[in-house]
Structure formats: structure tokens, C-alpha cells
Amino acid sequence: MKKSANLISRLIMLSLVVMIAMGGATSCKSKKKLAREKAEAEYQAKVAQAKKDLTAMLNDETNWSLPEKQERLKTIKANNIDDQEVKDLIVKVEARLKDEERQVEEERLKRKEQEMTDQQRRKYSVIVYTLADIAKAKNYDDANRQIEGALNLYATPDVPVLIIISKKDGYYDYDRPTTISKFMNYLKDSKEFKYDIEMAKYNDDGKITELELIKK
């Protein structure tokens, strides 16, 4: 009887061990399955979000700045999403952002050029005012006083003055060269100043060494 009881006990124990082992294996398989399902869900979420963001950038439906768009695109590419639609959208968005970058750079250069032009106009405004005042002088004495004061802007009374009478396709046609003193006396006699400042050169003392005008 004892032998039979022991045998039965051993069989029961063996069955329990097998059941526990099978339960553990089943539990392990369930955890792996859950992990795979979680990973797949996260991947699909990334794919969906990538498509959404790429489409929004392509259609200009975001309020992101260019650097923010570039950073988002960089992140999407780093995810290495193996989805053809995402890959196609990445190519299109890259091309669009390059166009935007080029436009931003062009606008920056235009603003810089405009700022330089504005600074140049302000810098040259003194020259314009002094020459215009000579032409508008009430009489010769007044004009001579204006000339005497205006010459202080120049290195010498013989500073060359070049006058552009026409320009086309980058080529300039000049009038006969003169000097600043002669030109000022011409303004005194003609009583009109119809020129814009094209260019002025200065020495280290801030005095004008060359003047280029263009007829309006």
C-alpha cells in the first residue's frame, strides 16, 4: 500500500511540475505576443504620424518655421520607416523644403541689399542736398557761399566727376569727365540739379575722392 501511495504522490507531483512548466511557457509566449503587438502598434502609430506630418508640410498646412520642418523631417527619416508612401512623401517634402530654403535665402539677400541701398541713400543724401542747394541759390554770391561750404566734403577741388548719360545691359555711356569745382560752377550757371548719386569713393579722412552721377 505504501509503495502504491508513494507512486501516486510522485505521479501527482510530476503532473503538477508539467502543468506549471506548461503554464510558464504559455505565459512566456503570451508576453512575447503582447510585446510584438505593442511594438507593431507603436510602429503603425509612427507611420500614421509620419504620413500626417509629411502631408501637412507638403501642403503647407502647418505653422512650423523652416528649421522646425527640417528637424521634423530629420526625425522621420531617422525612424527608417519601411513604408513606400512615407518614402515617397519624404522625397517630395525634401524638394519642397529646399525650395523654401532657397526662397528664404533670396529674401534675406534682398533685405540685405535693400538695407545697403537705404544706407547708401542716407549717406549720399548730404551730397545731393549740397549740390541741389548750389543749383537753387538765389544769386551768384549765395551760390559761391554754397560752393565754398560744399567743397569741404571733397579731398580737393579737382576730385573727378563722372556723369552717366545712359546705361543698358550693364554698359554705361559717360559724358565728358569734369571736376567737382567745375561741376559746381556749372550748377551755379544752369540752376538745375537733375542727377542721382551712382557712386562715391572716400579716403581714410572721410573726404570724397571720386563722384559718379547719373542723369535722371
N, C-alpha and C. Protein backbone atom coordinates (compact mmCIF):
# COMPACT_ATOMS: atom_id res chain seq x y z
N MET A 1 0.82 -1.20 0.00
CA MET A 1 0.00 0.00 0.00
C MET A 1 0.87 1.26 0.00
N LYS A 2 1.96 1.21 0.83
CA LYS A 2 2.84 2.37 0.93
C LYS A 2 3.47 2.68 -0.42
N LYS A 3 3.89 1.57 -1.12
CA LYS A 3 4.50 1.77 -2.43
C LYS A 3 3.52 2.39 -3.40
N SER A 4 2.28 1.94 -3.36
CA SER A 4 1.24 2.47 -4.25
C SER A 4 1.00 3.94 -3.94
N ALA A 5 0.96 4.27 -2.64
CA ALA A 5 0.72 5.67 -2.22
C ALA A 5 1.86 6.57 -2.67
N ASN A 6 3.08 6.04 -2.52
CA ASN A 6 4.24 6.84 -2.93
C ASN A 6 4.24 7.07 -4.44
N LEU A 7 3.87 6.03 -5.18
CA LEU A 7 3.83 6.13 -6.63
C LEU A 7 2.81 7.16 -7.08
N ILE A 8 1.66 7.12 -6.40
CA ILE A 8 0.60 8.07 -6.73
C ILE A 8 1.05 9.50 -6.42
N SER A 9 1.73 9.67 -5.28
CA SER A 9 2.21 11.00 -4.89
C SER A 9 3.20 11.54 -5.89
N ARG A 10 4.09 10.62 -6.36
CA ARG A 10 5.09 11.05 -7.34
C ARG A 10 4.43 11.45 -8.65
N LEU A 11 3.42 10.68 -9.05
CA LEU A 11 2.72 11.00 -10.30
C LEU A 11 2.01 12.34 -10.19
N ILE A 12 1.42 12.59 -9.03
CA ILE A 12 0.73 13.86 -8.81
C ILE A 12 1.73 15.01 -8.88
N MET A 13 2.89 14.81 -8.23
CA MET A 13 3.91 15.86 -8.23
C MET A 13 4.43 16.13 -9.64
N LEU A 14 4.65 15.04 -10.40
CA LEU A 14 5.13 15.16 -11.77
C LEU A 14 4.12 15.91 -12.63
N SER A 15 2.86 15.61 -12.42
CA SER A 15 1.80 16.28 -13.18
C SER A 15 1.78 17.78 -12.87
N LEU A 16 1.96 18.06 -11.58
CA LEU A 16 1.98 19.48 -11.18
C LEU A 16 3.15 20.22 -11.81
N VAL A 17 4.32 19.56 -11.82
CA VAL A 17 5.51 20.18 -12.41
C VAL A 17 5.28 20.45 -13.89
N VAL A 18 4.70 19.44 -14.58
CA VAL A 18 4.43 19.59 -16.01
C VAL A 18 3.44 20.71 -16.24
N MET A 19 2.38 20.78 -15.43
CA MET A 19 1.37 21.83 -15.58
C MET A 19 1.96 23.22 -15.36
N ILE A 20 2.83 23.29 -14.33
CA ILE A 20 3.46 24.58 -14.03
C ILE A 20 4.37 25.01 -15.18
N ALA A 21 5.13 24.02 -15.70
CA ALA A 21 6.04 24.30 -16.80
C ALA A 21 5.27 24.75 -18.04
N MET A 22 4.18 24.05 -18.32
CA MET A 22 3.36 24.40 -19.48
C MET A 22 2.73 25.77 -19.29
N GLY A 23 2.32 26.04 -18.05
CA GLY A 23 1.72 27.35 -17.76
C GLY A 23 2.74 28.46 -17.93
N GLY A 24 3.98 28.19 -17.48
CA GLY A 24 5.05 29.18 -17.63
C GLY A 24 5.37 29.44 -19.08
N ALA A 25 5.43 28.36 -19.86
CA ALA A 25 5.72 28.50 -21.29
C ALA A 25 4.63 29.29 -21.98
N THR A 26 3.37 28.98 -21.60
CA THR A 26 2.23 29.70 -22.19
C THR A 26 2.27 31.18 -21.82
N SER A 27 2.64 31.42 -20.54
CA SER A 27 2.73 32.81 -20.07
C SER A 27 3.83 33.55 -20.81
N CYS A 28 4.97 32.87 -21.04
CA CYS A 28 6.09 33.48 -21.75
C CYS A 28 5.71 33.81 -23.19
N LYS A 29 4.99 32.87 -23.83
CA LYS A 29 4.53 33.10 -25.19
C LYS A 29 3.56 34.26 -25.25
N SER A 30 2.71 34.39 -24.25
CA SER A 30 1.73 35.48 -24.20
C SER A 30 2.43 36.82 -24.07
N LYS A 31 3.47 36.86 -23.24
CA LYS A 31 4.22 38.10 -23.05
C LYS A 31 4.93 38.52 -24.34
N LYS A 32 5.51 37.53 -25.03
CA LYS A 32 6.18 37.83 -26.30
C LYS A 32 5.18 38.33 -27.33
N LYS A 33 4.01 37.70 -27.34
CA LYS A 33 2.98 38.10 -28.28
C LYS A 33 2.51 39.53 -27.99
N LEU A 34 2.33 39.83 -26.70
CA LEU A 34 1.92 41.17 -26.30
C LEU A 34 2.99 42.21 -26.68
N ALA A 35 4.27 41.82 -26.50
CA ALA A 35 5.37 42.73 -26.83
C ALA A 35 5.40 43.01 -28.33
N ARG A 36 5.19 41.91 -29.12
CA ARG A 36 5.16 42.09 -30.58
C ARG A 36 4.00 42.98 -30.99
N GLU A 37 2.84 42.75 -30.39
CA GLU A 37 1.66 43.53 -30.72
C GLU A 37 1.85 45.01 -30.33
N LYS A 38 2.50 45.21 -29.17
CA LYS A 38 2.77 46.59 -28.73
C LYS A 38 3.74 47.29 -29.69
N ALA A 39 4.80 46.55 -30.07
CA ALA A 39 5.79 47.12 -31.00
C ALA A 39 5.15 47.44 -32.34
N GLU A 40 4.30 46.55 -32.81
CA GLU A 40 3.62 46.76 -34.09
C GLU A 40 2.69 47.97 -34.02
N ALA A 41 1.97 48.09 -32.88
CA ALA A 41 1.06 49.23 -32.70
C ALA A 41 1.84 50.54 -32.68
N GLU A 42 2.99 50.54 -31.97
CA GLU A 42 3.82 51.74 -31.92
C GLU A 42 4.38 52.09 -33.30
N TYR A 43 4.78 51.07 -34.06
CA TYR A 43 5.30 51.29 -35.41
C TYR A 43 4.22 51.88 -36.32
N GLN A 44 3.02 51.32 -36.26
CA GLN A 44 1.93 51.81 -37.08
C GLN A 44 1.56 53.25 -36.70
N ALA A 45 1.67 53.55 -35.40
CA ALA A 45 1.39 54.92 -34.94
C ALA A 45 2.43 55.88 -35.52
N LYS A 46 3.70 55.45 -35.56
CA LYS A 46 4.76 56.28 -36.14
C LYS A 46 4.52 56.49 -37.64
N VAL A 47 4.11 55.42 -38.30
CA VAL A 47 3.83 55.51 -39.74
C VAL A 47 2.71 56.50 -39.99
N ALA A 48 1.62 56.37 -39.22
CA ALA A 48 0.47 57.25 -39.40
C ALA A 48 0.83 58.70 -39.11
N GLN A 49 1.61 58.93 -38.04
CA GLN A 49 2.00 60.30 -37.68
C GLN A 49 2.95 60.87 -38.73
N ALA A 50 3.84 60.03 -39.23
CA ALA A 50 4.78 60.48 -40.26
C ALA A 50 4.03 60.90 -41.52
N LYS A 51 3.06 60.10 -41.93
CA LYS A 51 2.26 60.44 -43.11
C LYS A 51 1.51 61.75 -42.89
N LYS A 52 0.94 61.89 -41.71
CA LYS A 52 0.18 63.10 -41.38
C LYS A 52 1.07 64.34 -41.43
N ASP A 53 2.25 64.27 -40.80
CA ASP A 53 3.15 65.43 -40.74
C ASP A 53 3.75 65.74 -42.11
N LEU A 54 4.14 64.70 -42.84
CA LEU A 54 4.73 64.92 -44.15
C LEU A 54 3.71 65.53 -45.12
N THR A 55 2.49 65.05 -45.05
CA THR A 55 1.44 65.59 -45.92
C THR A 55 1.15 67.04 -45.56
N ALA A 56 1.13 67.34 -44.26
CA ALA A 56 0.88 68.72 -43.82
C ALA A 56 1.98 69.65 -44.29
N MET A 57 3.24 69.19 -44.20
CA MET A 57 4.36 70.02 -44.66
C MET A 57 4.32 70.21 -46.17
N LEU A 58 3.96 69.15 -46.88
CA LEU A 58 3.89 69.21 -48.34
C LEU A 58 2.82 70.18 -48.81
N ASN A 59 1.71 70.22 -48.08
CA ASN A 59 0.58 71.09 -48.45
C ASN A 59 0.62 72.44 -47.73
N ASP A 60 1.72 72.69 -47.01
CA ASP A 60 1.88 73.95 -46.28
C ASP A 60 0.72 74.19 -45.32
N GLU A 61 0.40 73.16 -44.55
CA GLU A 61 -0.73 73.23 -43.62
C GLU A 61 -0.26 73.28 -42.16
N THR A 62 0.98 73.68 -41.94
CA THR A 62 1.49 73.81 -40.57
C THR A 62 1.89 75.26 -40.32
N ASN A 63 2.07 75.59 -39.05
CA ASN A 63 2.59 76.92 -38.70
C ASN A 63 4.04 76.81 -38.24
N TRP A 64 4.71 75.72 -38.63
CA TRP A 64 6.10 75.50 -38.26
C TRP A 64 7.02 76.39 -39.07
N SER A 65 8.10 76.79 -38.43
CA SER A 65 9.14 77.53 -39.15
C SER A 65 9.93 76.54 -40.00
N LEU A 66 10.74 77.05 -40.90
CA LEU A 66 11.55 76.18 -41.76
C LEU A 66 12.48 75.29 -40.92
N PRO A 67 13.18 75.81 -39.91
CA PRO A 67 14.03 74.93 -39.09
C PRO A 67 13.22 73.84 -38.39
N GLU A 68 12.00 74.16 -37.95
CA GLU A 68 11.15 73.15 -37.29
C GLU A 68 10.75 72.07 -38.28
N LYS A 69 10.43 72.46 -39.51
CA LYS A 69 10.09 71.47 -40.54
C LYS A 69 11.29 70.57 -40.84
N GLN A 70 12.46 71.18 -40.96
CA GLN A 70 13.66 70.41 -41.26
C GLN A 70 13.98 69.43 -40.14
N GLU A 71 13.76 69.85 -38.91
CA GLU A 71 14.02 68.98 -37.76
C GLU A 71 13.03 67.81 -37.73
N ARG A 72 11.75 68.10 -38.03
CA ARG A 72 10.74 67.04 -38.05
C ARG A 72 11.04 66.03 -39.15
N LEU A 73 11.45 66.51 -40.32
CA LEU A 73 11.80 65.62 -41.42
C LEU A 73 13.00 64.76 -41.03
N LYS A 74 13.96 65.34 -40.37
CA LYS A 74 15.14 64.61 -39.92
C LYS A 74 14.74 63.48 -38.98
N THR A 75 13.82 63.76 -38.06
CA THR A 75 13.35 62.75 -37.11
C THR A 75 12.63 61.61 -37.82
N ILE A 76 11.78 61.95 -38.78
CA ILE A 76 11.04 60.93 -39.53
C ILE A 76 12.01 60.04 -40.29
N LYS A 77 13.01 60.63 -40.92
CA LYS A 77 13.98 59.84 -41.68
C LYS A 77 14.78 58.93 -40.75
N ALA A 78 15.07 59.41 -39.54
CA ALA A 78 15.84 58.61 -38.58
C ALA A 78 15.07 57.38 -38.12
N ASN A 79 13.75 57.38 -38.22
CA ASN A 79 12.93 56.23 -37.80
C ASN A 79 13.01 55.08 -38.79
N ASN A 80 13.59 55.35 -39.98
CA ASN A 80 13.76 54.30 -41.00
C ASN A 80 12.47 53.53 -41.26
N ILE A 81 11.41 54.23 -41.50
CA ILE A 81 10.10 53.60 -41.73
C ILE A 81 10.08 52.93 -43.09
N ASP A 82 9.76 51.64 -43.08
CA ASP A 82 9.73 50.85 -44.32
C ASP A 82 8.31 50.86 -44.89
N ASP A 83 7.93 52.02 -45.38
CA ASP A 83 6.60 52.19 -45.96
C ASP A 83 6.77 53.04 -47.22
N GLN A 84 6.33 52.55 -48.36
CA GLN A 84 6.58 53.23 -49.63
C GLN A 84 5.94 54.61 -49.68
N GLU A 85 4.75 54.73 -49.12
CA GLU A 85 4.08 56.04 -49.13
C GLU A 85 4.89 57.06 -48.34
N VAL A 86 5.40 56.64 -47.20
CA VAL A 86 6.23 57.53 -46.38
C VAL A 86 7.50 57.90 -47.13
N LYS A 87 8.12 56.92 -47.79
CA LYS A 87 9.35 57.19 -48.56
C LYS A 87 9.10 58.19 -49.68
N ASP A 88 7.98 58.03 -50.38
CA ASP A 88 7.64 58.96 -51.46
C ASP A 88 7.39 60.36 -50.93
N LEU A 89 6.70 60.44 -49.79
CA LEU A 89 6.41 61.74 -49.19
C LEU A 89 7.69 62.43 -48.73
N ILE A 90 8.63 61.66 -48.21
CA ILE A 90 9.92 62.22 -47.76
C ILE A 90 10.64 62.90 -48.93
N VAL A 91 10.66 62.23 -50.08
CA VAL A 91 11.32 62.79 -51.28
C VAL A 91 10.67 64.12 -51.67
N LYS A 92 9.33 64.14 -51.68
CA LYS A 92 8.60 65.35 -52.07
C LYS A 92 8.82 66.49 -51.08
N VAL A 93 8.79 66.15 -49.78
CA VAL A 93 8.97 67.18 -48.74
C VAL A 93 10.39 67.72 -48.77
N GLU A 94 11.37 66.86 -49.01
CA GLU A 94 12.76 67.32 -49.12
C GLU A 94 12.90 68.36 -50.23
N ALA A 95 12.26 68.09 -51.38
CA ALA A 95 12.32 69.03 -52.50
C ALA A 95 11.63 70.33 -52.15
N ARG A 96 10.50 70.25 -51.47
CA ARG A 96 9.76 71.46 -51.09
C ARG A 96 10.56 72.30 -50.10
N LEU A 97 11.18 71.65 -49.12
CA LEU A 97 11.94 72.39 -48.12
C LEU A 97 13.19 73.03 -48.73
N LYS A 98 13.76 72.40 -49.73
CA LYS A 98 14.89 73.01 -50.43
C LYS A 98 14.44 74.28 -51.14
N ASP A 99 13.24 74.23 -51.75
CA ASP A 99 12.69 75.42 -52.40
C ASP A 99 12.45 76.52 -51.37
N GLU A 100 11.89 76.14 -50.22
CA GLU A 100 11.63 77.12 -49.16
C GLU A 100 12.93 77.73 -48.67
N GLU A 101 13.95 76.88 -48.51
CA GLU A 101 15.25 77.37 -48.04
C GLU A 101 15.84 78.36 -49.03
N ARG A 102 15.70 78.06 -50.33
CA ARG A 102 16.19 78.96 -51.36
C ARG A 102 15.43 80.29 -51.34
N GLN A 103 14.10 80.22 -51.14
CA GLN A 103 13.29 81.43 -51.08
C GLN A 103 13.67 82.28 -49.88
N VAL A 104 13.88 81.62 -48.74
CA VAL A 104 14.27 82.33 -47.52
C VAL A 104 15.61 83.04 -47.72
N GLU A 105 16.56 82.36 -48.37
CA GLU A 105 17.87 82.95 -48.63
C GLU A 105 17.76 84.12 -49.60
N GLU A 106 16.92 83.97 -50.63
CA GLU A 106 16.72 85.06 -51.60
C GLU A 106 16.12 86.28 -50.92
N GLU A 107 15.14 86.05 -50.04
CA GLU A 107 14.51 87.15 -49.31
C GLU A 107 15.51 87.83 -48.38
N ARG A 108 16.38 87.02 -47.76
CA ARG A 108 17.40 87.58 -46.87
C ARG A 108 18.36 88.47 -47.65
N LEU A 109 18.77 88.00 -48.82
CA LEU A 109 19.69 88.78 -49.66
C LEU A 109 19.03 90.06 -50.16
N LYS A 110 17.73 89.97 -50.50
CA LYS A 110 17.00 91.16 -50.94
C LYS A 110 16.92 92.19 -49.82
N ARG A 111 16.62 91.70 -48.60
CA ARG A 111 16.55 92.63 -47.45
C ARG A 111 17.90 93.27 -47.19
N LYS A 112 18.97 92.46 -47.30
CA LYS A 112 20.32 92.99 -47.09
C LYS A 112 20.65 94.03 -48.15
N GLU A 113 20.29 93.72 -49.40
CA GLU A 113 20.56 94.66 -50.49
C GLU A 113 19.77 95.95 -50.30
N GLN A 114 18.51 95.81 -49.86
CA GLN A 114 17.68 96.99 -49.62
C GLN A 114 18.24 97.83 -48.48
N GLU A 115 18.70 97.15 -47.43
CA GLU A 115 19.30 97.87 -46.30
C GLU A 115 20.54 98.63 -46.75
N MET A 116 21.35 97.98 -47.58
CA MET A 116 22.56 98.64 -48.09
C MET A 116 22.19 99.83 -48.97
N THR A 117 21.13 99.65 -49.79
CA THR A 117 20.67 100.75 -50.65
C THR A 117 20.17 101.91 -49.81
N ASP A 118 19.40 101.59 -48.77
CA ASP A 118 18.88 102.65 -47.89
C ASP A 118 20.02 103.39 -47.19
N GLN A 119 21.01 102.61 -46.72
CA GLN A 119 22.17 103.23 -46.06
C GLN A 119 22.93 104.11 -47.04
N GLN A 120 23.03 103.61 -48.27
CA GLN A 120 23.74 104.37 -49.31
C GLN A 120 23.00 105.67 -49.61
N ARG A 121 21.67 105.60 -49.71
CA ARG A 121 20.88 106.80 -49.98
C ARG A 121 21.08 107.83 -48.86
N ARG A 122 21.05 107.34 -47.60
CA ARG A 122 21.23 108.26 -46.47
C ARG A 122 22.63 108.88 -46.51
N LYS A 123 23.61 108.04 -46.86
CA LYS A 123 24.99 108.51 -46.91
C LYS A 123 25.17 109.54 -48.02
N TYR A 124 24.53 109.29 -49.16
CA TYR A 124 24.67 110.17 -50.31
C TYR A 124 23.74 111.38 -50.25
N SER A 125 22.78 111.37 -49.32
CA SER A 125 21.81 112.46 -49.27
C SER A 125 22.49 113.81 -49.02
N VAL A 126 23.57 113.81 -48.24
CA VAL A 126 24.30 115.06 -47.97
C VAL A 126 24.87 115.62 -49.27
N ILE A 127 25.42 114.74 -50.10
CA ILE A 127 25.97 115.18 -51.39
C ILE A 127 24.86 115.78 -52.25
N VAL A 128 23.75 115.07 -52.32
CA VAL A 128 22.62 115.54 -53.14
C VAL A 128 22.14 116.91 -52.67
N TYR A 129 21.96 117.04 -51.36
CA TYR A 129 21.45 118.31 -50.82
C TYR A 129 22.38 119.48 -51.12
N THR A 130 23.69 119.25 -50.95
CA THR A 130 24.64 120.36 -51.17
C THR A 130 24.68 120.78 -52.64
N LEU A 131 24.66 119.80 -53.55
CA LEU A 131 24.69 120.12 -54.97
C LEU A 131 23.37 120.77 -55.41
N ALA A 132 22.26 120.27 -54.87
CA ALA A 132 20.95 120.85 -55.21
C ALA A 132 20.84 122.28 -54.69
N ASP A 133 21.42 122.54 -53.51
CA ASP A 133 21.36 123.89 -52.93
C ASP A 133 22.14 124.89 -53.79
N ILE A 134 23.24 124.42 -54.38
CA ILE A 134 24.00 125.31 -55.27
C ILE A 134 23.14 125.71 -56.46
N ALA A 135 22.45 124.72 -57.04
CA ALA A 135 21.59 125.00 -58.20
C ALA A 135 20.42 125.91 -57.84
N LYS A 136 19.95 125.81 -56.60
CA LYS A 136 18.78 126.60 -56.17
C LYS A 136 19.15 127.95 -55.54
N ALA A 137 20.45 128.27 -55.52
CA ALA A 137 20.89 129.51 -54.88
C ALA A 137 20.19 130.74 -55.48
N LYS A 138 19.93 131.72 -54.65
CA LYS A 138 19.19 132.91 -55.08
C LYS A 138 19.98 133.77 -56.06
N ASN A 139 21.29 133.80 -55.84
CA ASN A 139 22.15 134.61 -56.72
C ASN A 139 23.56 134.04 -56.71
N TYR A 140 24.46 134.67 -57.45
CA TYR A 140 25.82 134.15 -57.56
C TYR A 140 26.56 134.16 -56.22
N ASP A 141 26.37 135.22 -55.46
CA ASP A 141 27.05 135.29 -54.16
C ASP A 141 26.61 134.14 -53.26
N ASP A 142 25.31 133.91 -53.26
CA ASP A 142 24.78 132.81 -52.45
C ASP A 142 25.32 131.48 -52.97
N ALA A 143 25.35 131.31 -54.29
CA ALA A 143 25.86 130.07 -54.88
C ALA A 143 27.33 129.86 -54.53
N ASN A 144 28.12 130.94 -54.56
CA ASN A 144 29.54 130.82 -54.22
C ASN A 144 29.74 130.41 -52.77
N ARG A 145 28.89 130.92 -51.89
CA ARG A 145 28.97 130.52 -50.47
C ARG A 145 28.63 129.03 -50.34
N GLN A 146 27.62 128.59 -51.10
CA GLN A 146 27.22 127.17 -51.06
C GLN A 146 28.37 126.29 -51.58
N ILE A 147 29.02 126.77 -52.64
CA ILE A 147 30.14 126.01 -53.23
C ILE A 147 31.30 125.90 -52.23
N GLU A 148 31.61 127.01 -51.59
CA GLU A 148 32.72 127.02 -50.62
C GLU A 148 32.47 126.02 -49.49
N GLY A 149 31.24 125.97 -49.01
CA GLY A 149 30.92 125.02 -47.93
C GLY A 149 30.90 123.58 -48.44
N ALA A 150 30.34 123.38 -49.64
CA ALA A 150 30.23 122.02 -50.18
C ALA A 150 31.58 121.40 -50.49
N LEU A 151 32.55 122.22 -50.89
CA LEU A 151 33.88 121.69 -51.23
C LEU A 151 34.58 121.04 -50.04
N ASN A 152 34.13 121.35 -48.83
CA ASN A 152 34.71 120.73 -47.63
C ASN A 152 34.45 119.22 -47.58
N LEU A 153 33.47 118.77 -48.36
CA LEU A 153 33.17 117.33 -48.39
C LEU A 153 34.18 116.56 -49.24
N TYR A 154 34.97 117.28 -50.05
CA TYR A 154 35.83 116.63 -51.04
C TYR A 154 37.31 116.77 -50.69
N ALA A 155 38.09 115.79 -51.14
CA ALA A 155 39.52 115.80 -50.83
C ALA A 155 40.22 117.01 -51.44
N THR A 156 39.86 117.34 -52.68
CA THR A 156 40.40 118.53 -53.37
C THR A 156 39.33 119.07 -54.32
N PRO A 157 39.48 120.29 -54.79
CA PRO A 157 38.53 120.83 -55.78
C PRO A 157 38.61 120.11 -57.13
N ASP A 158 39.68 119.32 -57.32
CA ASP A 158 39.87 118.63 -58.59
C ASP A 158 39.41 117.17 -58.57
N VAL A 159 38.63 116.81 -57.56
CA VAL A 159 38.09 115.43 -57.49
C VAL A 159 37.32 115.15 -58.78
N PRO A 160 37.60 114.04 -59.46
CA PRO A 160 36.92 113.75 -60.73
C PRO A 160 35.43 113.44 -60.55
N VAL A 161 34.65 113.95 -61.48
CA VAL A 161 33.20 113.69 -61.50
C VAL A 161 32.87 113.03 -62.83
N LEU A 162 32.29 111.85 -62.77
CA LEU A 162 31.87 111.12 -63.96
C LEU A 162 30.35 111.15 -64.02
N ILE A 163 29.82 111.44 -65.19
CA ILE A 163 28.37 111.56 -65.34
C ILE A 163 27.88 110.52 -66.35
N ILE A 164 27.03 109.62 -65.87
CA ILE A 164 26.45 108.58 -66.73
C ILE A 164 25.25 109.18 -67.45
N ILE A 165 25.27 109.14 -68.78
CA ILE A 165 24.13 109.68 -69.52
C ILE A 165 23.15 108.59 -69.95
N SER A 166 23.63 107.33 -69.94
CA SER A 166 22.73 106.21 -70.21
C SER A 166 23.41 104.91 -69.78
N LYS A 167 22.60 103.90 -69.48
CA LYS A 167 23.15 102.58 -69.18
C LYS A 167 22.17 101.51 -69.66
N LYS A 168 22.74 100.45 -70.22
CA LYS A 168 21.92 99.37 -70.77
C LYS A 168 22.71 98.07 -70.73
N ASP A 169 22.07 97.04 -70.19
CA ASP A 169 22.68 95.70 -70.12
C ASP A 169 24.05 95.74 -69.45
N GLY A 170 24.16 96.56 -68.42
CA GLY A 170 25.42 96.64 -67.68
C GLY A 170 26.47 97.53 -68.28
N TYR A 171 26.18 98.15 -69.42
CA TYR A 171 27.15 99.05 -70.06
C TYR A 171 26.74 100.50 -69.84
N TYR A 172 27.72 101.33 -69.45
CA TYR A 172 27.46 102.74 -69.16
C TYR A 172 28.02 103.62 -70.27
N ASP A 173 27.28 104.66 -70.57
CA ASP A 173 27.75 105.68 -71.52
C ASP A 173 27.96 106.97 -70.73
N TYR A 174 29.19 107.48 -70.72
CA TYR A 174 29.54 108.63 -69.88
C TYR A 174 29.63 109.92 -70.69
N ASP A 175 29.31 110.99 -70.01
CA ASP A 175 29.56 112.33 -70.56
C ASP A 175 31.05 112.63 -70.37
N ARG A 176 31.49 113.75 -70.87
CA ARG A 176 32.90 114.13 -70.74
C ARG A 176 33.24 114.34 -69.26
N PRO A 177 34.35 113.76 -68.78
CA PRO A 177 34.71 113.92 -67.36
C PRO A 177 34.93 115.38 -66.98
N THR A 178 34.67 115.68 -65.72
CA THR A 178 34.89 117.03 -65.21
C THR A 178 35.40 116.92 -63.78
N THR A 179 35.53 118.06 -63.12
CA THR A 179 35.95 118.05 -61.71
C THR A 179 34.81 118.59 -60.87
N ILE A 180 34.90 118.38 -59.55
CA ILE A 180 33.80 118.80 -58.69
C ILE A 180 33.65 120.32 -58.67
N SER A 181 34.76 121.04 -58.71
CA SER A 181 34.66 122.51 -58.70
C SER A 181 34.01 123.02 -59.99
N LYS A 182 34.41 122.44 -61.13
CA LYS A 182 33.80 122.84 -62.41
C LYS A 182 32.32 122.46 -62.44
N PHE A 183 32.01 121.29 -61.90
CA PHE A 183 30.62 120.84 -61.93
C PHE A 183 29.76 121.74 -61.05
N MET A 184 30.29 122.15 -59.90
CA MET A 184 29.53 123.04 -59.04
C MET A 184 29.27 124.39 -59.71
N ASN A 185 30.26 124.88 -60.42
CA ASN A 185 30.07 126.14 -61.15
C ASN A 185 29.07 125.98 -62.29
N TYR A 186 29.06 124.80 -62.88
CA TYR A 186 28.07 124.51 -63.91
C TYR A 186 26.65 124.56 -63.31
N LEU A 187 26.51 123.99 -62.11
CA LEU A 187 25.20 124.03 -61.43
C LEU A 187 24.80 125.46 -61.11
N LYS A 188 25.78 126.26 -60.74
CA LYS A 188 25.51 127.66 -60.43
C LYS A 188 24.94 128.38 -61.65
N ASP A 189 25.46 128.05 -62.82
CA ASP A 189 25.00 128.71 -64.05
C ASP A 189 23.70 128.11 -64.59
N SER A 190 23.59 126.77 -64.54
CA SER A 190 22.40 126.11 -65.11
C SER A 190 21.18 126.20 -64.20
N LYS A 191 21.46 126.37 -62.89
CA LYS A 191 20.39 126.48 -61.89
C LYS A 191 19.45 125.28 -61.86
N GLU A 192 19.99 124.09 -62.15
CA GLU A 192 19.20 122.87 -62.01
C GLU A 192 20.13 121.68 -61.71
N PHE A 193 19.62 120.79 -60.86
CA PHE A 193 20.36 119.58 -60.49
C PHE A 193 19.44 118.39 -60.74
N LYS A 194 19.68 117.67 -61.84
CA LYS A 194 18.83 116.54 -62.21
C LYS A 194 19.66 115.27 -62.29
N TYR A 195 20.21 114.88 -61.14
CA TYR A 195 21.09 113.72 -61.09
C TYR A 195 20.80 112.89 -59.83
N ASP A 196 21.16 111.63 -59.90
CA ASP A 196 21.22 110.76 -58.73
C ASP A 196 22.67 110.38 -58.51
N ILE A 197 23.00 110.02 -57.29
CA ILE A 197 24.36 109.59 -56.99
C ILE A 197 24.47 108.10 -57.30
N GLU A 198 25.33 107.76 -58.22
CA GLU A 198 25.56 106.35 -58.55
C GLU A 198 26.61 105.74 -57.63
N MET A 199 27.65 106.53 -57.33
CA MET A 199 28.73 106.02 -56.51
C MET A 199 29.60 107.16 -56.02
N ALA A 200 30.15 106.99 -54.83
CA ALA A 200 31.11 107.96 -54.31
C ALA A 200 32.21 107.20 -53.57
N LYS A 201 33.46 107.59 -53.80
CA LYS A 201 34.59 106.98 -53.11
C LYS A 201 35.11 107.95 -52.06
N TYR A 202 35.60 107.38 -50.95
CA TYR A 202 36.08 108.21 -49.84
C TYR A 202 37.51 107.79 -49.47
N ASN A 203 38.26 108.74 -48.94
CA ASN A 203 39.57 108.41 -48.41
C ASN A 203 39.45 108.11 -46.92
N ASP A 204 40.57 107.86 -46.27
CA ASP A 204 40.56 107.50 -44.85
C ASP A 204 40.06 108.63 -43.96
N ASP A 205 40.12 109.86 -44.46
CA ASP A 205 39.65 111.01 -43.68
C ASP A 205 38.15 111.26 -43.90
N GLY A 206 37.52 110.41 -44.71
CA GLY A 206 36.09 110.58 -44.98
C GLY A 206 35.78 111.61 -46.03
N LYS A 207 36.81 112.05 -46.76
CA LYS A 207 36.62 113.02 -47.83
C LYS A 207 36.36 112.28 -49.15
N ILE A 208 35.52 112.85 -49.99
CA ILE A 208 35.18 112.24 -51.28
C ILE A 208 36.35 112.39 -52.24
N THR A 209 36.74 111.27 -52.87
CA THR A 209 37.86 111.29 -53.82
C THR A 209 37.39 111.05 -55.25
N GLU A 210 36.17 110.60 -55.42
CA GLU A 210 35.62 110.38 -56.75
C GLU A 210 34.09 110.36 -56.65
N LEU A 211 33.44 110.96 -57.63
CA LEU A 211 31.96 111.04 -57.64
C LEU A 211 31.44 110.60 -58.98
N GLU A 212 30.45 109.75 -58.93
CA GLU A 212 29.81 109.27 -60.16
C GLU A 212 28.33 109.59 -60.09
N LEU A 213 27.83 110.33 -61.05
CA LEU A 213 26.42 110.73 -61.09
C LEU A 213 25.73 110.08 -62.28
N ILE A 214 24.42 110.02 -62.21
CA ILE A 214 23.64 109.53 -63.35
C ILE A 214 22.47 110.46 -63.59
N LYS A 215 22.25 110.82 -64.83
CA LYS A 215 21.15 111.73 -65.16
C LYS A 215 19.82 111.05 -64.92
N LYS A 216 18.89 111.80 -64.36
CA LYS A 216 17.54 111.26 -64.11
C LYS A 216 16.78 111.16 -65.41
